[in-house]
Amino acid sequence: MSTPTNVQIINGPDGTPAFVVIPYADYVATHPREDLVPNEVVGYMIKESMTAVGAWRKHLGLTQAEVASRIGITQAAYAQQEAASKPRKSTRAKIAEALGISADLLDL
């Protein structure tokens, strides 16, 4: 099997292949758009120390009260869930549905 010329293979310390680098356009073309995390979301997580849940909410321009209403809980209860570093899987699923994204995108 030959390696396409636009792919770079990076070997690990032991000399065996460890990473593959492909052009971004190729990556985007081969991955569903809904699997990509916007730069802004990552920026909120790093620069503002937000959780993935909080970063996605802010990126989507929603308030905590709006998301809480969509889930059917109080804003205070939602704020606690948003602050959790690793919400339960069922909680992530409810929040993801309220945000209109895949639950996997909250598992960063």
Protein backbone atom coordinates (compact mmCIF):
# COMPACT_ATOMS: atom_id res chain seq x y z
CA MET A 1 0.00 0.00 0.00
CA SER A 2 1.50 3.35 -0.98
CA THR A 3 1.24 6.56 1.03
CA PRO A 4 -0.25 9.57 -0.79
CA THR A 5 2.25 12.41 -1.29
CA ASN A 6 0.13 14.89 0.70
CA VAL A 7 0.41 12.80 3.90
CA GLN A 8 3.27 13.16 6.36
CA ILE A 9 4.18 10.32 8.71
CA ILE A 10 5.96 11.25 11.93
CA ASN A 11 7.91 8.54 13.69
CA GLY A 12 8.06 8.18 17.44
CA PRO A 13 11.26 7.96 19.52
CA ASP A 14 11.56 4.26 18.69
CA GLY A 15 11.49 4.95 14.95
CA THR A 16 8.05 3.44 14.30
CA PRO A 17 5.22 5.51 12.82
CA ALA A 18 3.40 7.42 15.58
CA PHE A 19 1.42 10.19 13.83
CA VAL A 20 -0.04 10.98 10.43
CA VAL A 21 -0.44 14.58 9.29
CA ILE A 22 -2.84 15.32 6.47
CA PRO A 23 -3.89 18.62 4.89
CA TYR A 24 -6.76 20.26 6.76
CA ALA A 25 -8.94 20.33 3.64
CA ASP A 26 -8.60 16.54 3.36
CA TYR A 27 -9.49 16.13 7.03
CA VAL A 28 -12.60 18.29 6.71
CA ALA A 29 -13.65 16.49 3.53
CA THR A 30 -13.48 13.11 5.27
CA HIS A 31 -15.13 14.05 8.57
CA PRO A 32 -18.75 15.01 9.17
CA ARG A 33 -19.07 18.72 9.85
CA GLU A 34 -20.90 18.03 13.11
CA ASP A 35 -17.78 16.29 14.48
CA LEU A 36 -15.66 19.44 14.30
CA VAL A 37 -15.18 21.68 17.35
CA PRO A 38 -15.02 25.38 16.41
CA ASN A 39 -11.89 27.30 17.33
CA GLU A 40 -13.99 29.68 19.43
CA VAL A 41 -15.17 26.84 21.68
CA VAL A 42 -11.61 25.73 22.32
CA GLY A 43 -10.61 29.35 22.90
CA TYR A 44 -13.26 29.81 25.60
CA MET A 45 -12.09 26.62 27.27
CA ILE A 46 -8.45 27.67 27.29
CA LYS A 47 -8.53 31.46 27.65
CA GLU A 48 -11.53 31.69 29.99
CA SER A 49 -11.14 28.32 31.75
CA MET A 50 -14.68 27.35 30.78
CA THR A 51 -15.98 23.80 30.67
CA ALA A 52 -16.93 22.37 27.28
CA VAL A 53 -20.60 22.84 28.21
CA GLY A 54 -20.10 26.51 29.05
CA ALA A 55 -17.92 27.16 26.01
CA TRP A 56 -20.47 25.65 23.62
CA ARG A 57 -23.31 27.63 25.26
CA LYS A 58 -21.36 30.88 24.93
CA HIS A 59 -20.35 30.06 21.35
CA LEU A 60 -24.00 29.48 20.44
CA GLY A 61 -24.99 32.82 22.01
CA LEU A 62 -27.28 31.33 24.65
CA THR A 63 -27.73 32.28 28.29
CA GLN A 64 -27.75 29.79 31.12
CA ALA A 65 -31.43 30.61 31.65
CA GLU A 66 -32.25 29.78 28.01
CA VAL A 67 -30.50 26.40 28.15
CA ALA A 68 -32.04 25.62 31.55
CA SER A 69 -35.50 26.39 30.17
CA ARG A 70 -34.92 24.03 27.23
CA ILE A 71 -33.93 21.26 29.65
CA GLY A 72 -36.72 22.04 32.10
CA ILE A 73 -34.59 22.95 35.12
CA THR A 74 -33.74 26.14 36.97
CA GLN A 75 -30.89 28.39 35.91
CA ALA A 76 -29.12 27.67 39.22
CA ALA A 77 -29.32 23.91 38.65
CA TYR A 78 -28.02 24.33 35.12
CA ALA A 79 -25.16 26.55 36.35
CA GLN A 80 -24.03 23.70 38.62
CA GLN A 81 -24.11 21.24 35.72
CA GLU A 82 -22.22 23.64 33.48
CA ALA A 83 -19.51 24.10 36.11
CA ALA A 84 -18.97 20.36 36.52
CA SER A 85 -15.71 19.24 34.92
CA LYS A 86 -17.23 15.93 33.80
CA PRO A 87 -21.06 15.86 33.89
CA ARG A 88 -22.73 12.45 33.86
CA LYS A 89 -23.36 10.93 30.45
CA SER A 90 -27.14 11.35 30.76
CA THR A 91 -26.67 15.01 31.76
CA ARG A 92 -24.36 15.65 28.79
CA ALA A 93 -26.96 14.11 26.48
CA LYS A 94 -29.72 16.42 27.78
CA ILE A 95 -27.52 19.49 27.53
CA ALA A 96 -26.31 18.54 24.04
CA GLU A 97 -29.90 18.15 22.87
CA ALA A 98 -30.74 21.58 24.30
CA LEU A 99 -27.73 23.06 22.50
CA GLY A 100 -28.48 21.22 19.25
CA ILE A 101 -25.14 19.43 19.10
CA SER A 102 -23.84 15.88 19.44
CA ALA A 103 -23.23 14.77 23.05
CA ASP A 104 -19.75 13.62 21.98
CA LEU A 105 -18.80 17.27 21.44
CA LEU A 106 -19.24 17.90 25.17
CA ASP A 107 -16.82 15.12 26.09
CA LEU A 108 -13.63 17.09 25.54
